[in-house]
Amino acid sequence: MKRLKGVTEPERKRKIIGKTFIEVFQAATKRAGKAKFLAQGTLYPDVIESVPMAQSGCDDQEPPQRRRPAEDHEISTRRTLKRLFKDEVRGWDGLGLPQEIVLRQPFPGPGLAVRILGEVTPERLKILRNADAIVVGE
């Protein structure tokens, strides 16, 4: 919240949240010990979203919220589901994951903060959380 104070531009919010995520990720990997892989939930819609970015000159062909926090570590990123849509992932049991993980609502990364028009405030977060609860409930 402190880092987002006064920030209203969605892309700037996304960058601040992304930088914070990387810092938290790096601290967590130090606490966890040596990791070899980072599994990311990149799905086909993320790949589709990347195409306009590649055409506009973005060299890594990946939307900002999907950039790899593992780049500064000796960790290989795995995106084994990147050619599947969410309904295809939910219908496939090839990973052996518990159903509560497979069926849960995807965590949107910086998406929630970016969806708040204007500055991210406690009041606006409360409204957003209530709206998100309705969506998840439905």
Protein backbone atom coordinates (compact mmCIF):
# COMPACT_ATOMS: atom_id res chain seq x y z
CA MET A 1 0.00 0.00 0.00
CA LYS A 2 2.83 2.39 0.80
CA ARG A 3 4.44 1.82 -2.59
CA LEU A 4 1.14 2.44 -4.39
CA LYS A 5 0.24 5.62 -2.50
CA GLY A 6 -0.73 8.34 -4.96
CA VAL A 7 -0.25 6.09 -8.01
CA THR A 8 -3.19 6.17 -10.44
CA GLU A 9 -1.69 4.96 -13.75
CA PRO A 10 -2.47 1.22 -14.25
CA GLU A 11 0.85 0.38 -15.93
CA ARG A 12 2.81 2.10 -13.16
CA LYS A 13 0.82 0.13 -10.55
CA ARG A 14 1.62 -3.07 -12.47
CA LYS A 15 5.35 -2.27 -12.44
CA ILE A 16 5.38 -1.45 -8.72
CA ILE A 17 3.52 -4.65 -7.86
CA GLY A 18 5.79 -6.68 -10.17
CA LYS A 19 8.93 -5.27 -8.57
CA THR A 20 7.53 -6.00 -5.11
CA PHE A 21 6.65 -9.54 -6.16
CA ILE A 22 10.21 -10.15 -7.35
CA GLU A 23 11.63 -8.85 -4.06
CA VAL A 24 9.29 -11.11 -2.06
CA PHE A 25 10.07 -14.05 -4.36
CA GLN A 26 13.81 -13.57 -3.93
CA ALA A 27 13.50 -13.42 -0.14
CA ALA A 28 11.30 -16.55 -0.14
CA THR A 29 13.77 -18.52 -2.28
CA LYS A 30 16.57 -17.65 0.11
CA ARG A 31 14.50 -18.96 3.04
CA ALA A 32 13.39 -22.08 1.15
CA GLY A 33 16.86 -23.16 0.09
CA LYS A 34 17.97 -24.37 -3.30
CA ALA A 35 15.08 -24.63 -5.77
CA LYS A 36 15.50 -25.96 -9.30
CA PHE A 37 12.15 -25.05 -10.84
CA LEU A 38 9.48 -22.37 -10.68
CA ALA A 39 6.11 -23.57 -11.95
CA GLN A 40 4.00 -20.77 -13.40
CA GLY A 41 0.34 -20.91 -14.32
CA THR A 42 0.76 -19.33 -17.72
CA LEU A 43 -2.16 -20.45 -19.89
CA TYR A 44 -2.96 -19.94 -23.57
CA PRO A 45 -4.86 -16.66 -23.02
CA ASP A 46 -1.61 -15.23 -21.58
CA VAL A 47 0.21 -16.30 -24.74
CA ILE A 48 -2.48 -14.71 -26.91
CA GLU A 49 -2.17 -11.50 -24.88
CA SER A 50 1.57 -11.54 -25.59
CA VAL A 51 1.20 -11.38 -29.38
CA PRO A 52 0.30 -7.66 -29.58
CA MET A 53 3.21 -6.91 -27.26
CA ALA A 54 5.61 -8.76 -29.55
CA GLN A 55 4.26 -6.86 -32.54
CA SER A 56 4.77 -3.58 -30.69
CA GLY A 57 8.44 -4.29 -30.10
CA CYS A 58 8.38 -6.01 -26.69
CA ASP A 59 11.30 -8.38 -27.04
CA ASP A 60 10.39 -10.99 -24.43
CA GLN A 61 6.87 -11.53 -25.84
CA GLU A 62 5.35 -11.81 -22.42
CA PRO A 63 2.87 -9.53 -20.67
CA PRO A 64 4.37 -7.54 -17.76
CA GLN A 65 2.48 -9.51 -15.10
CA ARG A 66 4.03 -12.77 -16.37
CA ARG A 67 7.68 -11.75 -16.46
CA ARG A 68 9.97 -14.19 -14.73
CA PRO A 69 11.12 -13.48 -11.17
CA ALA A 70 13.56 -16.37 -11.44
CA GLU A 71 15.88 -14.67 -13.93
CA ASP A 72 18.42 -13.67 -11.29
CA HIS A 73 18.42 -17.16 -9.79
CA GLU A 74 19.55 -20.52 -11.06
CA ILE A 75 15.95 -21.60 -11.45
CA SER A 76 14.35 -22.91 -14.60
CA THR A 77 10.81 -21.63 -15.23
CA ARG A 78 8.23 -24.21 -16.32
CA ARG A 79 5.06 -23.21 -18.15
CA THR A 80 3.79 -26.67 -19.05
CA LEU A 81 0.19 -25.50 -19.49
CA LYS A 82 0.83 -22.55 -21.82
CA ARG A 83 -1.01 -24.15 -24.76
CA LEU A 84 -4.17 -24.92 -22.77
CA PHE A 85 -7.23 -22.88 -21.83
CA LYS A 86 -8.47 -22.95 -18.20
CA ASP A 87 -11.32 -25.37 -18.96
CA GLU A 88 -8.83 -27.77 -20.58
CA VAL A 89 -6.56 -27.58 -17.52
CA ARG A 90 -9.50 -28.27 -15.22
CA GLY A 91 -10.43 -31.34 -17.27
CA TRP A 92 -6.91 -32.77 -17.30
CA ASP A 93 -5.47 -34.66 -14.34
CA GLY A 94 -1.95 -35.02 -15.72
CA LEU A 95 -0.37 -32.99 -12.93
CA GLY A 96 -1.92 -34.96 -10.09
CA LEU A 97 -2.90 -31.77 -8.27
CA PRO A 98 -5.67 -31.72 -5.64
CA GLN A 99 -9.05 -30.61 -7.03
CA GLU A 100 -9.19 -27.60 -4.70
CA ILE A 101 -6.11 -26.23 -6.46
CA VAL A 102 -7.20 -27.12 -10.00
CA LEU A 103 -10.69 -25.63 -9.54
CA ARG A 104 -9.79 -22.49 -7.60
CA GLN A 105 -10.20 -19.02 -9.04
CA PRO A 106 -6.88 -17.93 -10.58
CA PHE A 107 -4.91 -15.40 -8.58
CA PRO A 108 -4.81 -12.34 -10.83
CA GLY A 109 -1.42 -10.94 -9.85
CA PRO A 110 -1.51 -7.16 -10.18
CA GLY A 111 -4.86 -7.40 -11.97
CA LEU A 112 -6.97 -6.44 -8.97
CA ALA A 113 -5.01 -3.29 -8.18
CA VAL A 114 -4.97 -2.34 -11.85
CA ARG A 115 -8.76 -2.74 -11.98
CA ILE A 116 -9.16 -0.11 -9.27
CA LEU A 117 -9.69 3.21 -10.99
CA GLY A 118 -7.41 5.81 -9.48
CA GLU A 119 -5.36 5.32 -6.34
CA VAL A 120 -5.47 2.01 -4.48
CA THR A 121 -7.04 2.79 -1.10
CA PRO A 122 -8.35 0.58 1.73
CA GLU A 123 -11.93 1.60 0.84
CA ARG A 124 -11.52 0.73 -2.84
CA LEU A 125 -9.85 -2.57 -1.93
CA LYS A 126 -12.84 -3.44 0.25
CA ILE A 127 -15.23 -2.79 -2.67
CA LEU A 128 -13.03 -4.86 -4.99
CA ARG A 129 -12.76 -7.76 -2.52
CA ASN A 130 -16.54 -7.79 -2.11
CA ALA A 131 -17.03 -7.83 -5.90
CA ASP A 132 -14.42 -10.58 -6.28
CA ALA A 133 -16.17 -12.65 -3.58
CA ILE A 134 -19.40 -12.43 -5.57
CA VAL A 135 -17.63 -13.61 -8.74
CA VAL A 136 -15.93 -16.50 -6.93
CA GLY A 137 -19.20 -17.43 -5.21
CA GLU A 138 -21.04 -17.57 -8.51
